[in-house]
Amino acid sequence: MGGRAWSTRHNMIHKMRLHNEPFISIKNKSKDIELRLNDEKRRQLKVGDKLIFISRGNYTDQITAIVKKLVYFKDFVEVTKAYEMKRIYLEDTSLDEYLELMSQFYSKEEQEEYGVV
């Protein structure tokens, strides 16, 4: 995924790359939740931090957002029980498709070790 975090006053700025479809969904305001493995890098996230989402389709296309809330889950299955698919990925994605996609990014072992934020 790459990306850097640096300090500005008391809040941090985090850069995160996104595939084009979820990036567009955030831009269109239908997707309002971004989920990641709660690894060492994401454990730096705090409410009030700035997120800069960068489209993998066009690296000059960016969206800036502020972390409003951090919610922790044991895995992506648990996430899908808490939120509608359109808020976490794409509205027309099935549960099985979403879980398969997430397993390509984050193994079951990684999810068990770190959880999801």
Protein backbone atom coordinates (compact mmCIF):
# COMPACT_ATOMS: atom_id res chain seq x y z
CA MET A 1 0.00 0.00 0.00
CA GLY A 2 2.83 2.41 0.71
CA GLY A 3 2.26 5.80 2.12
CA ARG A 4 3.70 8.01 4.79
CA ALA A 5 2.50 9.67 7.93
CA TRP A 6 3.91 12.89 9.28
CA SER A 7 3.03 15.19 12.10
CA THR A 8 1.24 18.50 11.72
CA ARG A 9 0.60 20.05 15.13
CA HIS A 10 -1.18 17.38 17.16
CA ASN A 11 -2.81 15.45 14.32
CA MET A 12 -1.22 13.19 11.74
CA ILE A 13 -1.67 13.01 7.97
CA HIS A 14 -1.92 9.51 6.52
CA LYS A 15 -1.78 8.69 2.81
CA MET A 16 -3.70 5.64 1.61
CA ARG A 17 -3.99 4.32 -1.90
CA LEU A 18 -7.30 2.97 -3.13
CA HIS A 19 -8.37 1.05 -6.20
CA ASN A 20 -10.39 3.15 -8.60
CA GLU A 21 -13.91 1.85 -7.85
CA PRO A 22 -13.84 2.38 -4.06
CA PHE A 23 -12.07 5.70 -4.62
CA ILE A 24 -14.94 6.88 -6.84
CA SER A 25 -17.47 5.63 -4.26
CA ILE A 26 -15.78 7.77 -1.59
CA LYS A 27 -15.68 10.72 -3.97
CA ASN A 28 -19.41 10.27 -4.69
CA LYS A 29 -20.05 10.01 -0.92
CA SER A 30 -21.74 6.61 -1.06
CA LYS A 31 -18.79 4.88 0.68
CA ASP A 32 -18.08 6.58 4.00
CA ILE A 33 -16.14 3.88 5.87
CA GLU A 34 -12.59 2.83 5.06
CA LEU A 35 -11.37 -0.42 6.55
CA ARG A 36 -7.83 -1.64 6.95
CA LEU A 37 -5.95 -4.29 8.85
CA ASN A 38 -5.23 -2.90 12.32
CA ASP A 39 -1.50 -3.46 11.96
CA GLU A 40 1.27 -1.28 13.41
CA LYS A 41 0.80 1.37 10.73
CA ARG A 42 -2.97 1.74 11.31
CA ARG A 43 -2.56 1.72 15.09
CA GLN A 44 -1.16 5.24 14.63
CA LEU A 45 -4.60 6.46 13.48
CA LYS A 46 -6.40 8.78 15.88
CA VAL A 47 -9.71 10.64 15.71
CA GLY A 48 -9.03 14.00 14.09
CA ASP A 49 -6.22 12.74 11.86
CA LYS A 50 -6.32 13.63 8.18
CA LEU A 51 -6.54 10.91 5.53
CA ILE A 52 -5.45 11.55 1.98
CA PHE A 53 -6.86 8.91 -0.33
CA ILE A 54 -4.95 8.53 -3.59
CA SER A 55 -6.52 6.80 -6.60
CA ARG A 56 -4.46 3.93 -7.99
CA GLY A 57 -6.07 4.77 -11.35
CA ASN A 58 -4.75 8.34 -11.36
CA TYR A 59 -2.20 9.25 -8.69
CA THR A 60 -2.98 12.96 -9.03
CA ASP A 61 -6.62 12.34 -8.04
CA GLN A 62 -6.90 12.68 -4.26
CA ILE A 63 -9.57 13.02 -1.59
CA THR A 64 -8.96 14.43 1.87
CA ALA A 65 -11.01 13.21 4.83
CA ILE A 66 -10.85 13.47 8.62
CA VAL A 67 -11.00 10.42 10.90
CA LYS A 68 -14.27 10.85 12.79
CA LYS A 69 -14.40 7.52 14.60
CA LEU A 70 -12.33 4.37 14.98
CA VAL A 71 -14.19 1.08 15.31
CA TYR A 72 -12.41 -2.23 15.82
CA PHE A 73 -13.46 -5.66 14.56
CA LYS A 74 -11.94 -9.13 14.80
CA ASP A 75 -12.19 -9.65 11.01
CA PHE A 76 -13.97 -8.53 7.84
CA VAL A 77 -16.84 -10.97 8.42
CA GLU A 78 -17.69 -9.11 11.63
CA VAL A 79 -17.60 -5.79 9.74
CA THR A 80 -20.22 -6.98 7.24
CA LYS A 81 -22.62 -7.67 10.10
CA ALA A 82 -22.33 -4.08 11.31
CA TYR A 83 -22.53 -2.04 8.08
CA GLU A 84 -24.23 -2.02 4.69
CA MET A 85 -21.97 -3.07 1.81
CA LYS A 86 -22.29 0.30 0.05
CA ARG A 87 -20.76 2.01 3.11
CA ILE A 88 -17.72 -0.28 3.26
CA TYR A 89 -17.03 -1.17 -0.38
CA LEU A 90 -19.42 -1.09 -3.36
CA GLU A 91 -23.20 -1.36 -3.19
CA ASP A 92 -23.50 -4.12 -5.80
CA THR A 93 -20.79 -6.33 -4.28
CA SER A 94 -22.01 -9.57 -2.70
CA LEU A 95 -20.84 -10.64 0.73
CA ASP A 96 -18.85 -13.55 -0.75
CA GLU A 97 -17.19 -11.30 -3.34
CA TYR A 98 -16.22 -8.78 -0.67
CA LEU A 99 -14.77 -11.38 1.69
CA GLU A 100 -12.82 -13.00 -1.16
CA LEU A 101 -11.41 -9.63 -2.17
CA MET A 102 -10.39 -8.77 1.40
CA SER A 103 -8.70 -12.17 1.75
CA GLN A 104 -6.55 -11.27 -1.27
CA PHE A 105 -5.31 -8.18 0.60
CA TYR A 106 -5.24 -9.58 4.14
CA SER A 107 -4.89 -13.26 5.03
CA LYS A 108 -7.10 -14.92 7.62
CA GLU A 109 -4.02 -15.23 9.85
CA GLU A 110 -3.33 -11.48 9.57
CA GLN A 111 -6.95 -10.70 10.41
CA GLU A 112 -6.77 -12.98 13.46
CA GLU A 113 -3.48 -11.42 14.59
CA TYR A 114 -4.29 -7.73 14.08
CA GLY A 115 -8.05 -7.37 13.66
CA VAL A 116 -9.63 -4.70 11.48
CA VAL A 117 -10.09 -0.97 12.03
